[in-house]
Protein backbone atom coordinates (compact mmCIF):
# COMPACT_ATOMS: atom_id res chain seq x y z
CA UNK A 1 -5.87 155.91 35.65
CA UNK A 2 -5.91 158.78 32.67
CA UNK A 3 -8.58 158.84 30.31
CA UNK A 4 -7.90 158.03 27.00
CA UNK A 5 -7.84 160.46 24.06
CA UNK A 6 -7.86 158.13 21.25
CA UNK A 7 -11.48 156.80 22.01
CA UNK A 8 -13.86 159.17 21.29
CA UNK A 9 -16.90 157.15 20.34
CA UNK A 10 -18.15 153.50 21.67
CA UNK A 11 -20.55 151.15 20.24
CA UNK A 12 -22.67 149.41 23.07
CA UNK A 13 -24.08 146.10 22.12
CA UNK A 14 -27.48 145.76 24.19
CA UNK A 15 -28.66 142.72 25.87
CA UNK A 16 -32.02 141.87 23.34
CA UNK A 17 -34.90 140.15 24.70
CA UNK A 18 -35.00 139.07 28.36
CA UNK A 19 -34.69 134.96 28.08
CA UNK A 20 -32.71 132.44 29.70
CA UNK A 21 -29.10 133.11 29.32
CA UNK A 22 -30.28 137.11 28.91
CA UNK A 23 -31.25 138.42 32.42
CA UNK A 24 -33.01 141.75 32.86
CA UNK A 25 -30.09 143.24 35.03
CA UNK A 26 -27.83 143.52 31.68
CA UNK A 27 -30.23 146.24 30.67
CA UNK A 28 -29.81 148.28 33.73
CA UNK A 29 -26.04 148.37 33.89
CA UNK A 30 -25.95 148.62 30.23
CA UNK A 31 -28.28 152.01 30.53
CA UNK A 32 -25.53 153.00 33.29
CA UNK A 33 -22.71 152.57 31.23
CA UNK A 34 -24.28 154.56 28.44
CA UNK A 35 -24.88 157.52 30.60
CA UNK A 36 -21.15 157.32 31.92
CA UNK A 37 -19.72 157.26 28.95
CA UNK A 38 -21.58 160.12 28.08
CA UNK A 39 -20.52 161.85 30.99
CA UNK A 40 -17.34 161.21 29.82
CA UNK A 41 -17.95 163.34 26.50
CA UNK A 42 -18.08 160.20 24.63
CA UNK A 43 -20.69 159.63 21.58
CA UNK A 44 -22.31 156.43 22.45
CA UNK A 45 -23.73 154.56 19.80
CA UNK A 46 -26.47 151.68 20.93
CA UNK A 47 -27.59 148.36 18.93
CA UNK A 48 -30.12 146.53 21.11
CA UNK A 49 -33.04 144.28 19.20
CA UNK A 50 -35.28 145.10 22.19
CA UNK A 51 -37.24 148.44 22.30
CA UNK A 52 -39.00 147.54 25.17
CA UNK A 53 -35.80 148.71 27.35
CA UNK A 54 -34.63 151.60 28.99
CA UNK A 55 -31.40 151.51 26.96
CA UNK A 56 -33.44 152.36 23.85
CA UNK A 57 -34.52 155.46 25.27
CA UNK A 58 -33.62 158.51 23.11
CA UNK A 59 -31.88 160.10 25.62
CA UNK A 60 -29.83 157.60 26.55
CA UNK A 61 -27.45 156.83 23.43
CA UNK A 62 -26.62 159.46 20.90
CA UNK A 63 -27.70 156.94 17.91
CA UNK A 64 -29.66 154.01 18.69
CA UNK A 65 -30.32 151.14 16.52
CA UNK A 66 -33.15 148.90 16.99
CA UNK A 67 -31.91 145.97 14.76
CA UNK A 68 -30.80 141.96 15.11
CA UNK A 69 -27.72 141.63 17.52
CA UNK A 70 -25.86 139.66 14.87
CA UNK A 71 -22.37 140.17 13.41
CA UNK A 72 -23.73 140.89 10.05
CA UNK A 73 -26.13 143.82 11.49
CA UNK A 74 -23.21 144.76 13.72
CA UNK A 75 -20.86 145.06 10.98
CA UNK A 76 -23.36 147.26 9.28
CA UNK A 77 -23.58 149.54 11.88
CA UNK A 78 -19.81 149.81 12.54
CA UNK A 79 -19.34 150.47 8.85
CA UNK A 80 -21.90 153.70 8.94
CA UNK A 81 -20.68 155.13 12.72
CA UNK A 82 -17.13 154.18 12.38
CA UNK A 83 -16.78 153.89 16.32
CA UNK A 84 -13.83 153.59 17.93
CA UNK A 85 -14.46 151.01 20.27
CA UNK A 86 -17.06 148.07 20.97
CA UNK A 87 -18.16 147.28 24.03
CA UNK A 88 -19.98 143.90 24.52
CA UNK A 89 -19.71 143.08 28.06
CA UNK A 90 -23.03 144.73 29.30
CA UNK A 91 -25.38 142.59 26.66
CA UNK A 92 -25.17 139.22 27.70
CA UNK A 93 -24.23 136.13 26.22
CA UNK A 94 -25.57 137.37 22.83
CA UNK A 95 -23.24 140.33 22.72
CA UNK A 96 -20.19 138.43 23.80
CA UNK A 97 -20.94 135.68 21.31
CA UNK A 98 -21.33 138.68 18.30
CA UNK A 99 -17.88 140.39 19.63
CA UNK A 100 -15.91 136.95 19.28
CA UNK A 101 -17.57 135.94 15.84
CA UNK A 102 -16.50 139.42 14.54
CA UNK A 103 -13.14 139.19 15.98
CA UNK A 104 -12.87 135.87 14.52
CA UNK A 105 -14.12 137.12 10.95
CA UNK A 106 -11.70 140.10 10.80
CA UNK A 107 -14.40 142.65 11.25
CA UNK A 108 -12.67 144.51 14.10
CA UNK A 109 -9.35 144.69 12.78
CA UNK A 110 -10.97 146.01 9.45
CA UNK A 111 -12.51 148.92 10.67
CA UNK A 112 -9.87 149.50 13.41
CA UNK A 113 -12.34 148.90 16.32
CA UNK A 114 -11.03 148.27 19.65
CA UNK A 115 -12.58 145.70 22.12
CA UNK A 116 -13.07 147.10 25.29
CA UNK A 117 -14.43 145.94 28.74
CA UNK A 118 -12.77 142.40 28.36
CA UNK A 119 -10.64 141.25 25.61
CA UNK A 120 -11.08 138.17 23.54
CA UNK A 121 -8.82 136.16 25.52
CA UNK A 122 -10.56 137.18 28.92
CA UNK A 123 -13.79 136.16 27.28
CA UNK A 124 -12.73 133.22 26.07
CA UNK A 125 -11.16 132.10 29.45
CA UNK A 126 -14.37 133.02 31.38
CA UNK A 127 -16.51 131.18 28.53
CA UNK A 128 -14.75 128.17 27.58
CA UNK A 129 -15.37 125.41 30.09
CA UNK A 130 -11.82 123.64 28.94
CA UNK A 131 -10.06 127.00 29.17
CA UNK A 132 -11.66 128.03 32.57
CA UNK A 133 -10.84 124.60 33.85
CA UNK A 134 -7.06 125.33 32.87
CA UNK A 135 -7.37 128.55 34.91
CA UNK A 136 -8.70 127.01 38.24
CA UNK A 137 -6.01 124.27 37.85
CA UNK A 138 -3.16 126.88 37.47
CA UNK A 139 -4.86 128.74 40.63
CA UNK A 140 -4.27 125.56 42.52
CA UNK A 141 -0.83 125.23 41.32
CA UNK A 142 0.07 128.36 42.18
CA UNK A 143 -1.48 128.58 45.62
CA UNK A 144 -0.59 124.78 46.39
CA UNK A 145 -4.04 123.63 47.69
CA UNK A 146 -7.37 123.24 46.69
CA UNK A 147 -9.79 120.88 44.89
CA UNK A 148 -12.31 120.74 42.31
CA UNK A 149 -14.80 118.31 40.89
CA UNK A 150 -13.61 116.03 38.33
CA UNK A 151 -14.82 116.55 34.89
CA UNK A 152 -14.19 116.09 31.06
CA UNK A 153 -14.91 117.48 27.83
CA UNK A 154 -17.15 116.36 25.54
CA UNK A 155 -18.06 117.57 21.94
CA UNK A 156 -20.31 114.34 20.90
CA UNK A 157 -22.92 112.42 22.38
CA UNK A 158 -20.47 109.29 22.23
CA UNK A 159 -17.92 111.48 24.62
CA UNK A 160 -20.95 112.20 27.04
CA UNK A 161 -21.88 108.80 27.37
CA UNK A 162 -18.27 107.68 27.81
CA UNK A 163 -17.81 110.52 29.80
CA UNK A 164 -20.00 109.22 32.66
CA UNK A 165 -18.24 106.21 33.19
CA UNK A 166 -15.00 108.13 33.36
CA UNK A 167 -16.43 110.23 36.30
CA UNK A 168 -17.57 107.12 37.75
CA UNK A 169 -21.41 106.77 37.23
CA UNK A 170 -24.49 109.17 37.75
CA UNK A 171 -25.43 111.93 38.60
CA UNK A 172 -23.43 114.20 36.63
CA UNK A 173 -23.56 118.03 35.64
CA UNK A 174 -23.94 119.18 32.00
CA UNK A 175 -22.21 122.81 31.36
CA UNK A 176 -22.44 124.01 27.98
CA UNK A 177 -19.51 126.42 26.70
CA UNK A 178 -20.54 129.79 25.74
CA UNK A 179 -23.95 130.07 27.34
CA UNK A 180 -25.31 131.93 30.42
CA UNK A 181 -28.16 131.67 33.01
CA UNK A 182 -28.53 128.20 32.84
CA UNK A 183 -28.98 127.38 29.16
CA UNK A 184 -28.54 123.98 28.01
CA UNK A 185 -27.09 122.86 31.39
CA UNK A 186 -28.71 120.78 34.21
CA UNK A 187 -28.25 117.61 36.51
CA UNK A 188 -28.72 114.25 34.77
CA UNK A 189 -29.72 111.29 36.85
CA UNK A 190 -29.85 108.53 34.27
CA UNK A 191 -28.99 108.23 30.67
CA UNK A 192 -32.28 109.35 29.26
CA UNK A 193 -31.82 112.95 31.21
CA UNK A 194 -28.02 112.66 30.06
CA UNK A 195 -29.26 112.58 26.29
CA UNK A 196 -32.01 115.05 26.37
CA UNK A 197 -29.44 117.58 28.66
CA UNK A 198 -26.27 117.12 26.90
CA UNK A 199 -28.01 117.08 23.25
CA UNK A 200 -29.71 120.58 24.29
CA UNK A 201 -26.23 121.51 25.55
CA UNK A 202 -24.34 120.47 22.70
CA UNK A 203 -26.89 122.13 20.30
CA UNK A 204 -26.87 125.73 22.10
CA UNK A 205 -23.19 125.60 22.42
CA UNK A 206 -21.57 127.66 19.51
CA UNK A 207 -18.66 125.68 19.86
CA UNK A 208 -20.80 122.32 20.11
CA UNK A 209 -18.79 121.75 23.53
CA UNK A 210 -20.33 120.78 27.06
CA UNK A 211 -18.17 120.19 30.27
CA UNK A 212 -19.44 116.77 32.19
CA UNK A 213 -18.90 117.17 35.72
CA UNK A 214 -19.15 115.15 38.63
CA UNK A 215 -22.11 116.08 41.02
CA UNK A 216 -21.21 117.23 44.53
CA UNK A 217 -24.77 117.17 45.52
CA UNK A 218 -25.21 117.48 49.39
CA UNK A 219 -22.16 119.34 49.85
CA UNK A 220 -22.49 122.89 51.91
CA UNK A 221 -21.83 125.57 49.66
CA UNK A 222 -20.49 128.88 50.52
CA UNK A 223 -20.43 131.50 47.66
CA UNK A 224 -17.76 134.49 47.39
CA UNK A 225 -17.82 136.92 44.38
CA UNK A 226 -14.85 139.07 43.55
CA UNK A 227 -14.05 141.44 40.98
CA UNK A 228 -10.40 142.29 39.84
CA UNK A 229 -8.88 144.74 37.66
CA UNK A 230 -6.01 144.48 35.39
CA UNK A 231 -4.06 146.37 38.49
CA UNK A 232 -4.87 143.41 40.77
CA UNK A 233 -7.33 145.60 42.66
CA UNK A 234 -9.86 143.22 44.19
CA UNK A 235 -13.30 143.89 45.70
CA UNK A 236 -15.86 141.70 47.13
CA UNK A 237 -19.37 142.43 45.44
């Protein structure tokens, strides 16, 4: 793939503090990304709310801002630095949510900043439980086989309580949209647990949305992780 000449500077959103949903590996991957971008001759601007990271070392980026990772602060940095592109995929959930918010508010279009690493559609499909369910169902329809756990989308506690009956009772799994690292998710074995976990999940989800899924406890799990690019190249990681 030829090197793009229209991108001369990139704003990288860092991972911030290490908390649930914001794991330490983002600092490592973000640091490597900054180094690679600089090696390619690009000007790298970094925003990270956590000064105690490798990413914020002086030699990693050309310009470093230790500021809150919010749409308001990131917009100020964009207005000052005028980067050609924004890379949010190496900063965890906070970076992704910030990028989505700025896209929806028209900030990226206003300053002519391109979202790279993953576009808005890809981020939404990976983060929105309902959209991701649609992707899985489409794959099942395409290949002609496969099963997945039954689930319902809920936007309120009333939806959650009704959803348990739809799925045939307890236990159930609660999975909030637009959160990572297990934040707000968990197994509920009774209504008390369900109200506590789902309440937290609805609060943590920026879209106030949780996926209620039937439990498959007791099944054997085999996990295979793949990476696929836009040219349909696939590697096992």
